[in-house]
Amino acid sequence: MKPDDSVNASFLRREFKISGQIGEPGQADKLTFVSLTHQIDSGLKRGYNENEIVDAVIRAISLHSSLRSYVETLKDLSLPKLRKILRVHYREKSASELYQTLATIFQDPKETPQQFLLRSLELRNKVGFASKESDCEVQYDEPLIQKTFMKSFETGLRDDILAANLRPILRLPSLSDEELMKNVNELASHQAERQSKLACERRSAKVNGAKWTVRKLKCVKMVEIMIKFWPRFERSNLTLRV
């Protein structure tokens, strides 16, 4: 490639931009740490250098944010250092803390199996992102993270029958997230339908039992009335015969 061609190529290449805005942690309309990290990694894969990515990240920070004022005053800010600052800003846990959370995750009472799966997948990805940071003290490889995720998701499900039905699927090699989501949706829907039918049967049995109890009480009451008034019937019959 000629020198002029390389210059033209650099002008033709689009400027790297971060989609979204970096605000305060927890703001619904702002970038999450996972989304920001994904965009940074994507930029590196597409051939953008670290300085271009650092500039793009700074531009994405809210204009009047103290974070932006701080990073703009730093000299020779490298991408690894910026990533570390962003992790602190977002109050993200370390890789070891995230891994321990993943190992002990469980389904909340009001959480559906599908919601629990997505929360587990997000946590798994966070462990992977944190392990790749340059300042990470303990690094976890992807096979270990995936194995821990599979085991924790299975044992964390509240429905034992659903967990048992999913067990063979979770043991499949090279199981994709999409396939797992599909199977969880199908099996969870089937299990919910089954539980609904069982609940209807129990309610029906309860209603029938209540009706039988009412009829039984009516019969008992009738017998009690007959026993109470039987002597009068006997005397009336004797009088008539006489």
C-alpha atoms as a PDB file:
ATOM      1  CA  MET A   1       0.000   0.000   0.000  1.00  0.00           C
ATOM      2  CA  LYS A   2       1.333   3.425  -0.913  1.00  0.00           C
ATOM      3  CA  PRO A   3       1.764   6.109   1.785  1.00  0.00           C
ATOM      4  CA  ASP A   4      -1.035   8.166   0.231  1.00  0.00           C
ATOM      5  CA  ASP A   5      -3.321   5.131   0.320  1.00  0.00           C
ATOM      6  CA  SER A   6      -2.743   4.599   4.043  1.00  0.00           C
ATOM      7  CA  VAL A   7      -3.481   8.266   4.719  1.00  0.00           C
ATOM      8  CA  ASN A   8      -6.683   8.082   2.686  1.00  0.00           C
ATOM      9  CA  ALA A   9      -7.701   4.884   4.490  1.00  0.00           C
ATOM     10  CA  SER A  10      -7.238   6.566   7.867  1.00  0.00           C
ATOM     11  CA  PHE A  11      -9.462   9.447   6.764  1.00  0.00           C
ATOM     12  CA  LEU A  12     -12.092   7.115   5.340  1.00  0.00           C
ATOM     13  CA  ARG A  13     -12.310   4.997   8.498  1.00  0.00           C
ATOM     14  CA  ARG A  14     -15.107   6.095  10.767  1.00  0.00           C
ATOM     15  CA  GLU A  15     -14.311   7.645  14.104  1.00  0.00           C
ATOM     16  CA  PHE A  16     -14.820   5.214  16.958  1.00  0.00           C
ATOM     17  CA  LYS A  17     -17.831   6.161  19.060  1.00  0.00           C
ATOM     18  CA  ILE A  18     -19.437   4.742  22.170  1.00  0.00           C
ATOM     19  CA  SER A  19     -23.173   4.227  21.753  1.00  0.00           C
ATOM     20  CA  GLY A  20     -24.913   5.636  24.807  1.00  0.00           C
ATOM     21  CA  GLN A  21     -23.854   7.863  27.673  1.00  0.00           C
ATOM     22  CA  ILE A  22     -21.876   7.095  30.806  1.00  0.00           C
ATOM     23  CA  GLY A  23     -23.703   8.498  33.821  1.00  0.00           C
ATOM     24  CA  GLU A  24     -24.035   7.542  37.450  1.00  0.00           C
ATOM     25  CA  PRO A  25     -24.298   3.853  38.433  1.00  0.00           C
ATOM     26  CA  GLY A  26     -27.852   2.507  38.321  1.00  0.00           C
ATOM     27  CA  GLN A  27     -29.316   5.178  36.032  1.00  0.00           C
ATOM     28  CA  ALA A  28     -31.844   3.442  33.787  1.00  0.00           C
ATOM     29  CA  ASP A  29     -31.146   5.502  30.670  1.00  0.00           C
ATOM     30  CA  LYS A  30     -27.343   5.299  30.899  1.00  0.00           C
ATOM     31  CA  LEU A  31     -24.787   2.713  29.825  1.00  0.00           C
ATOM     32  CA  THR A  32     -24.190  -0.299  32.033  1.00  0.00           C
ATOM     33  CA  PHE A  33     -20.662  -1.444  32.763  1.00  0.00           C
ATOM     34  CA  VAL A  34     -21.163  -4.659  30.784  1.00  0.00           C
ATOM     35  CA  SER A  35     -22.415  -2.781  27.717  1.00  0.00           C
ATOM     36  CA  LEU A  36     -19.531  -0.301  27.883  1.00  0.00           C
ATOM     37  CA  THR A  37     -16.952  -3.077  28.259  1.00  0.00           C
ATOM     38  CA  HIS A  38     -18.457  -4.920  25.309  1.00  0.00           C
ATOM     39  CA  GLN A  39     -18.171  -1.830  23.104  1.00  0.00           C
ATOM     40  CA  ILE A  40     -14.557  -1.256  24.144  1.00  0.00           C
ATOM     41  CA  ASP A  41     -13.620  -4.864  23.326  1.00  0.00           C
ATOM     42  CA  SER A  42     -15.490  -4.613  20.027  1.00  0.00           C
ATOM     43  CA  GLY A  43     -13.491  -1.505  19.106  1.00  0.00           C
ATOM     44  CA  LEU A  44     -10.209  -3.280  19.806  1.00  0.00           C
ATOM     45  CA  LYS A  45     -11.239  -6.209  17.612  1.00  0.00           C
ATOM     46  CA  ARG A  46     -12.125  -3.833  14.779  1.00  0.00           C
ATOM     47  CA  GLY A  47      -8.612  -2.392  14.797  1.00  0.00           C
ATOM     48  CA  TYR A  48      -9.011   0.867  16.682  1.00  0.00           C
ATOM     49  CA  ASN A  49      -6.016   1.765  18.820  1.00  0.00           C
ATOM     50  CA  GLU A  50      -6.198   2.401  22.555  1.00  0.00           C
ATOM     51  CA  ASN A  51      -5.924   6.181  22.263  1.00  0.00           C
ATOM     52  CA  GLU A  52      -8.935   6.310  19.934  1.00  0.00           C
ATOM     53  CA  ILE A  53     -10.956   4.207  22.346  1.00  0.00           C
ATOM     54  CA  VAL A  54      -9.895   6.279  25.369  1.00  0.00           C
ATOM     55  CA  ASP A  55     -10.986   9.481  23.608  1.00  0.00           C
ATOM     56  CA  ALA A  56     -14.332   7.902  22.644  1.00  0.00           C
ATOM     57  CA  VAL A  57     -15.004   6.761  26.209  1.00  0.00           C
ATOM     58  CA  ILE A  58     -14.217  10.216  27.604  1.00  0.00           C
ATOM     59  CA  ARG A  59     -16.572  11.818  25.075  1.00  0.00           C
ATOM     60  CA  ALA A  60     -19.312   9.390  26.179  1.00  0.00           C
ATOM     61  CA  ILE A  61     -19.117  10.511  29.822  1.00  0.00           C
ATOM     62  CA  SER A  62     -21.804  13.018  30.848  1.00  0.00           C
ATOM     63  CA  LEU A  63     -20.517  16.516  30.137  1.00  0.00           C
ATOM     64  CA  HIS A  64     -20.884  17.950  33.649  1.00  0.00           C
ATOM     65  CA  SER A  65     -19.898  14.746  35.434  1.00  0.00           C
ATOM     66  CA  SER A  66     -17.104  14.875  38.006  1.00  0.00           C
ATOM     67  CA  LEU A  67     -15.810  11.653  36.451  1.00  0.00           C
ATOM     68  CA  ARG A  68     -15.278  13.389  33.122  1.00  0.00           C
ATOM     69  CA  SER A  69     -13.570  16.344  34.758  1.00  0.00           C
ATOM     70  CA  TYR A  70     -11.253  13.951  36.548  1.00  0.00           C
ATOM     71  CA  VAL A  71     -10.208  11.783  33.566  1.00  0.00           C
ATOM     72  CA  GLU A  72      -9.725  14.821  31.327  1.00  0.00           C
ATOM     73  CA  THR A  73      -7.062  16.124  33.720  1.00  0.00           C
ATOM     74  CA  LEU A  74      -5.089  12.864  33.729  1.00  0.00           C
ATOM     75  CA  LYS A  75      -1.919  12.839  31.650  1.00  0.00           C
ATOM     76  CA  ASP A  76      -1.093   9.861  29.422  1.00  0.00           C
ATOM     77  CA  LEU A  77      -4.287   8.024  30.387  1.00  0.00           C
ATOM     78  CA  SER A  78      -3.990   4.434  29.164  1.00  0.00           C
ATOM     79  CA  LEU A  79      -6.921   2.173  28.355  1.00  0.00           C
ATOM     80  CA  PRO A  80      -6.135  -0.341  31.157  1.00  0.00           C
ATOM     81  CA  LYS A  81      -6.060   2.508  33.696  1.00  0.00           C
ATOM     82  CA  LEU A  82      -9.300   3.960  32.313  1.00  0.00           C
ATOM     83  CA  ARG A  83     -10.986   0.561  32.553  1.00  0.00           C
ATOM     84  CA  LYS A  84      -9.913   0.306  36.180  1.00  0.00           C
ATOM     85  CA  ILE A  85     -11.326   3.783  36.893  1.00  0.00           C
ATOM     86  CA  LEU A  86     -14.600   2.839  35.201  1.00  0.00           C
ATOM     87  CA  ARG A  87     -14.856  -0.351  37.262  1.00  0.00           C
ATOM     88  CA  VAL A  88     -14.509   1.682  40.455  1.00  0.00           C
ATOM     89  CA  HIS A  89     -16.986   4.289  39.159  1.00  0.00           C
ATOM     90  CA  TYR A  90     -19.596   1.607  38.433  1.00  0.00           C
ATOM     91  CA  ARG A  91     -18.853  -0.014  41.818  1.00  0.00           C
ATOM     92  CA  GLU A  92     -18.298  -3.331  40.125  1.00  0.00           C
ATOM     93  CA  LYS A  93     -17.131  -6.266  42.234  1.00  0.00           C
ATOM     94  CA  SER A  94     -13.812  -7.988  41.676  1.00  0.00           C
ATOM     95  CA  ALA A  95     -13.575 -11.204  39.665  1.00  0.00           C
ATOM     96  CA  SER A  96     -13.288 -13.331  42.812  1.00  0.00           C
ATOM     97  CA  GLU A  97     -16.334 -11.656  44.413  1.00  0.00           C
ATOM     98  CA  LEU A  98     -18.381 -12.104  41.242  1.00  0.00           C
ATOM     99  CA  TYR A  99     -17.304 -15.735  40.948  1.00  0.00           C
ATOM    100  CA  GLN A 100     -18.386 -16.480  44.523  1.00  0.00           C
ATOM    101  CA  THR A 101     -21.754 -14.842  43.810  1.00  0.00           C
ATOM    102  CA  LEU A 102     -22.122 -16.986  40.689  1.00  0.00           C
ATOM    103  CA  ALA A 103     -21.275 -20.141  42.638  1.00  0.00           C
ATOM    104  CA  THR A 104     -24.022 -19.464  45.200  1.00  0.00           C
ATOM    105  CA  ILE A 105     -26.722 -17.857  43.036  1.00  0.00           C
ATOM    106  CA  PHE A 106     -30.336 -19.000  43.529  1.00  0.00           C
ATOM    107  CA  GLN A 107     -33.762 -18.159  42.149  1.00  0.00           C
ATOM    108  CA  ASP A 108     -35.757 -15.517  44.020  1.00  0.00           C
ATOM    109  CA  PRO A 109     -39.327 -16.417  45.117  1.00  0.00           C
ATOM    110  CA  LYS A 110     -40.974 -13.966  42.677  1.00  0.00           C
ATOM    111  CA  GLU A 111     -38.525 -14.687  39.841  1.00  0.00           C
ATOM    112  CA  THR A 112     -39.465 -16.884  36.874  1.00  0.00           C
ATOM    113  CA  PRO A 113     -37.003 -19.547  35.652  1.00  0.00           C
ATOM    114  CA  GLN A 114     -36.455 -17.448  32.512  1.00  0.00           C
ATOM    115  CA  GLN A 115     -35.600 -14.350  34.551  1.00  0.00           C
ATOM    116  CA  PHE A 116     -33.303 -16.388  36.771  1.00  0.00           C
ATOM    117  CA  LEU A 117     -31.513 -17.735  33.690  1.00  0.00           C
ATOM    118  CA  LEU A 118     -30.903 -14.249  32.275  1.00  0.00           C
ATOM    119  CA  ARG A 119     -29.614 -13.004  35.636  1.00  0.00           C
ATOM    120  CA  SER A 120     -27.270 -15.998  35.858  1.00  0.00           C
ATOM    121  CA  LEU A 121     -26.022 -15.452  32.298  1.00  0.00           C
ATOM    122  CA  GLU A 122     -25.338 -11.783  33.001  1.00  0.00           C
ATOM    123  CA  LEU A 123     -23.389 -12.678  36.138  1.00  0.00           C
ATOM    124  CA  ARG A 124     -21.403 -15.313  34.215  1.00  0.00           C
ATOM    125  CA  ASN A 125     -20.445 -12.699  31.626  1.00  0.00           C
ATOM    126  CA  LYS A 126     -19.433 -10.246  34.342  1.00  0.00           C
ATOM    127  CA  VAL A 127     -17.056 -12.836  35.794  1.00  0.00           C
ATOM    128  CA  GLY A 128     -15.527 -13.274  32.343  1.00  0.00           C
ATOM    129  CA  PHE A 129     -15.137  -9.528  31.803  1.00  0.00           C
ATOM    130  CA  ALA A 130     -13.586  -8.998  35.240  1.00  0.00           C
ATOM    131  CA  SER A 131     -11.142 -11.881  34.746  1.00  0.00           C
ATOM    132  CA  LYS A 132      -9.770 -10.235  31.596  1.00  0.00           C
ATOM    133  CA  GLU A 133      -8.893  -6.985  33.329  1.00  0.00           C
ATOM    134  CA  SER A 134      -5.145  -6.351  33.494  1.00  0.00           C
ATOM    135  CA  ASP A 135      -5.199  -5.710  37.256  1.00  0.00           C
ATOM    136  CA  CYS A 136      -7.192  -8.853  38.049  1.00  0.00           C
ATOM    137  CA  GLU A 137      -5.510 -10.798  40.859  1.00  0.00           C
ATOM    138  CA  VAL A 138      -7.401 -14.058  40.282  1.00  0.00           C
ATOM    139  CA  GLN A 139      -8.273 -15.028  36.715  1.00  0.00           C
ATOM    140  CA  TYR A 140     -10.896 -17.655  35.893  1.00  0.00           C
ATOM    141  CA  ASP A 141     -10.826 -19.384  32.521  1.00  0.00           C
ATOM    142  CA  GLU A 142     -13.982 -19.691  30.420  1.00  0.00           C
ATOM    143  CA  PRO A 143     -14.484 -23.489  30.862  1.00  0.00           C
ATOM    144  CA  LEU A 144     -14.431 -23.112  34.657  1.00  0.00           C
ATOM    145  CA  ILE A 145     -16.818 -20.147  34.575  1.00  0.00           C
ATOM    146  CA  GLN A 146     -19.206 -22.024  32.269  1.00  0.00           C
ATOM    147  CA  LYS A 147     -19.106 -25.173  34.419  1.00  0.00           C
ATOM    148  CA  THR A 148     -19.831 -23.152  37.556  1.00  0.00           C
ATOM    149  CA  PHE A 149     -22.677 -21.337  35.810  1.00  0.00           C
ATOM    150  CA  MET A 150     -24.317 -24.595  34.667  1.00  0.00           C
ATOM    151  CA  LYS A 151     -24.120 -26.169  38.118  1.00  0.00           C
ATOM    152  CA  SER A 152     -25.315 -23.046  39.944  1.00  0.00           C
ATOM    153  CA  PHE A 153     -28.248 -22.532  37.592  1.00  0.00           C
ATOM    154  CA  GLU A 154     -29.411 -26.134  38.018  1.00  0.00           C
ATOM    155  CA  THR A 155     -29.063 -26.199  41.806  1.00  0.00           C
ATOM    156  CA  GLY A 156     -30.458 -22.676  42.174  1.00  0.00           C
ATOM    157  CA  LEU A 157     -33.820 -23.441  40.558  1.00  0.00           C
ATOM    158  CA  ARG A 158     -36.718 -23.547  43.016  1.00  0.00           C
ATOM    159  CA  ASP A 159     -38.600 -26.221  41.039  1.00  0.00           C
ATOM    160  CA  ASP A 160     -36.896 -29.595  41.552  1.00  0.00           C
ATOM    161  CA  ILE A 161     -38.842 -31.233  38.703  1.00  0.00           C
ATOM    162  CA  LEU A 162     -37.772 -28.515  36.258  1.00  0.00           C
ATOM    163  CA  ALA A 163     -34.173 -28.855  37.430  1.00  0.00           C
ATOM    164  CA  ALA A 164     -34.301 -32.632  36.900  1.00  0.00           C
ATOM    165  CA  ASN A 165     -35.726 -32.194  33.393  1.00  0.00           C
ATOM    166  CA  LEU A 166     -33.015 -29.671  32.517  1.00  0.00           C
ATOM    167  CA  ARG A 167     -30.149 -31.763  33.906  1.00  0.00           C
ATOM    168  CA  PRO A 168     -29.486 -33.811  30.717  1.00  0.00           C
ATOM    169  CA  ILE A 169     -29.595 -30.633  28.621  1.00  0.00           C
ATOM    170  CA  LEU A 170     -27.146 -28.825  30.882  1.00  0.00           C
ATOM    171  CA  ARG A 171     -24.730 -31.742  30.467  1.00  0.00           C
ATOM    172  CA  LEU A 172     -24.646 -31.379  26.674  1.00  0.00           C
ATOM    173  CA  PRO A 173     -21.247 -30.283  25.311  1.00  0.00           C
ATOM    174  CA  SER A 174     -21.095 -26.967  23.452  1.00  0.00           C
ATOM    175  CA  LEU A 175     -24.596 -25.969  24.594  1.00  0.00           C
ATOM    176  CA  SER A 176     -25.266 -22.435  23.333  1.00  0.00           C
ATOM    177  CA  ASP A 177     -27.060 -19.757  25.337  1.00  0.00           C
ATOM    178  CA  GLU A 178     -29.819 -19.631  22.718  1.00  0.00           C
ATOM    179  CA  GLU A 179     -30.466 -23.385  22.947  1.00  0.00           C
ATOM    180  CA  LEU A 180     -30.519 -23.209  26.728  1.00  0.00           C
ATOM    181  CA  MET A 181     -32.996 -20.305  26.677  1.00  0.00           C
ATOM    182  CA  LYS A 182     -35.253 -22.213  24.284  1.00  0.00           C
ATOM    183  CA  ASN A 183     -35.233 -25.363  26.433  1.00  0.00           C
ATOM    184  CA  VAL A 184     -35.835 -23.426  29.645  1.00  0.00           C
ATOM    185  CA  ASN A 185     -38.798 -21.633  28.038  1.00  0.00           C
ATOM    186  CA  GLU A 186     -40.354 -24.878  26.796  1.00  0.00           C
ATOM    187  CA  LEU A 187     -39.806 -26.920  29.962  1.00  0.00           C
ATOM    188  CA  ALA A 188     -40.813 -24.070  32.287  1.00  0.00           C
ATOM    189  CA  SER A 189     -44.036 -23.506  30.323  1.00  0.00           C
ATOM    190  CA  HIS A 190     -44.797 -27.237  30.410  1.00  0.00           C
ATOM    191  CA  GLN A 191     -44.153 -27.394  34.154  1.00  0.00           C
ATOM    192  CA  ALA A 192     -46.302 -24.301  34.795  1.00  0.00           C
ATOM    193  CA  GLU A 193     -49.159 -25.860  32.796  1.00  0.00           C
ATOM    194  CA  ARG A 194     -48.792 -29.100  34.745  1.00  0.00           C
ATOM    195  CA  GLN A 195     -48.881 -27.286  38.091  1.00  0.00           C
ATOM    196  CA  SER A 196     -51.940 -25.312  36.965  1.00  0.00           C
ATOM    197  CA  LYS A 197     -53.795 -28.535  36.109  1.00  0.00           C
ATOM    198  CA  LEU A 198     -52.851 -30.110  39.431  1.00  0.00           C
ATOM    199  CA  ALA A 199     -54.064 -27.003  41.256  1.00  0.00           C
ATOM    200  CA  CYS A 200     -57.402 -27.192  39.406  1.00  0.00           C
ATOM    201  CA  GLU A 201     -57.755 -30.862  40.338  1.00  0.00           C
ATOM    202  CA  ARG A 202     -57.049 -30.088  43.983  1.00  0.00           C
ATOM    203  CA  ARG A 203     -59.604 -27.265  43.980  1.00  0.00           C
ATOM    204  CA  SER A 204     -62.174 -29.525  42.330  1.00  0.00           C
ATOM    205  CA  ALA A 205     -61.544 -32.272  44.874  1.00  0.00           C
ATOM    206  CA  LYS A 206     -61.851 -29.737  47.681  1.00  0.00           C
ATOM    207  CA  VAL A 207     -65.169 -28.421  46.330  1.00  0.00           C
ATOM    208  CA  ASN A 208     -66.540 -31.946  45.892  1.00  0.00           C
ATOM    209  CA  GLY A 209     -65.413 -32.797  49.401  1.00  0.00           C
ATOM    210  CA  ALA A 210     -67.160 -29.718  50.755  1.00  0.00           C
ATOM    211  CA  LYS A 211     -70.383 -30.637  48.935  1.00  0.00           C
ATOM    212  CA  TRP A 212     -70.222 -34.175  50.347  1.00  0.00           C
ATOM    213  CA  THR A 213     -69.696 -32.750  53.834  1.00  0.00           C
ATOM    214  CA  VAL A 214     -72.754 -30.500  53.461  1.00  0.00           C
ATOM    215  CA  ARG A 215     -74.907 -33.418  52.295  1.00  0.00           C
ATOM    216  CA  LYS A 216     -73.623 -35.537  55.144  1.00  0.00           C
ATOM    217  CA  LEU A 217     -74.436 -32.816  57.684  1.00  0.00           C
ATOM    218  CA  LYS A 218     -77.933 -32.470  56.259  1.00  0.00           C
ATOM    219  CA  CYS A 219     -78.493 -36.217  56.619  1.00  0.00           C
ATOM    220  CA  VAL A 220     -77.190 -36.192  60.187  1.00  0.00           C
ATOM    221  CA  LYS A 221     -79.440 -33.258  61.036  1.00  0.00           C
ATOM    222  CA  MET A 222     -82.444 -35.030  59.559  1.00  0.00           C
ATOM    223  CA  VAL A 223     -81.712 -38.141  61.601  1.00  0.00           C
ATOM    224  CA  GLU A 224     -81.364 -36.032  64.748  1.00  0.00           C
ATOM    225  CA  ILE A 225     -84.753 -34.424  64.065  1.00  0.00           C
ATOM    226  CA  MET A 226     -86.350 -37.822  63.509  1.00  0.00           C
ATOM    227  CA  ILE A 227     -84.891 -39.171  66.735  1.00  0.00           C
ATOM    228  CA  LYS A 228     -86.046 -36.087  68.641  1.00  0.00           C
ATOM    229  CA  PHE A 229     -89.616 -36.250  67.433  1.00  0.00           C
ATOM    230  CA  TRP A 230     -89.939 -40.046  67.132  1.00  0.00           C
ATOM    231  CA  PRO A 231     -91.671 -40.512  70.550  1.00  0.00           C
ATOM    232  CA  ARG A 232     -94.403 -38.075  69.476  1.00  0.00           C
ATOM    233  CA  PHE A 233     -94.911 -40.010  66.270  1.00  0.00           C
ATOM    234  CA  GLU A 234     -95.182 -43.207  68.343  1.00  0.00           C
ATOM    235  CA  ARG A 235     -97.797 -41.685  70.700  1.00  0.00           C
ATOM    236  CA  SER A 236     -99.787 -40.344  67.767  1.00  0.00           C
ATOM    237  CA  ASN A 237     -99.821 -43.747  66.166  1.00  0.00           C
ATOM    238  CA  LEU A 238    -100.982 -45.392  69.420  1.00  0.00           C
ATOM    239  CA  THR A 239    -103.833 -42.909  69.791  1.00  0.00           C
ATOM    240  CA  LEU A 240    -104.978 -43.508  66.268  1.00  0.00           C
ATOM    241  CA  ARG A 241    -104.904 -47.282  66.751  1.00  0.00           C
ATOM    242  CA  VAL A 242    -106.934 -47.023  69.960  1.00  0.00           C
END
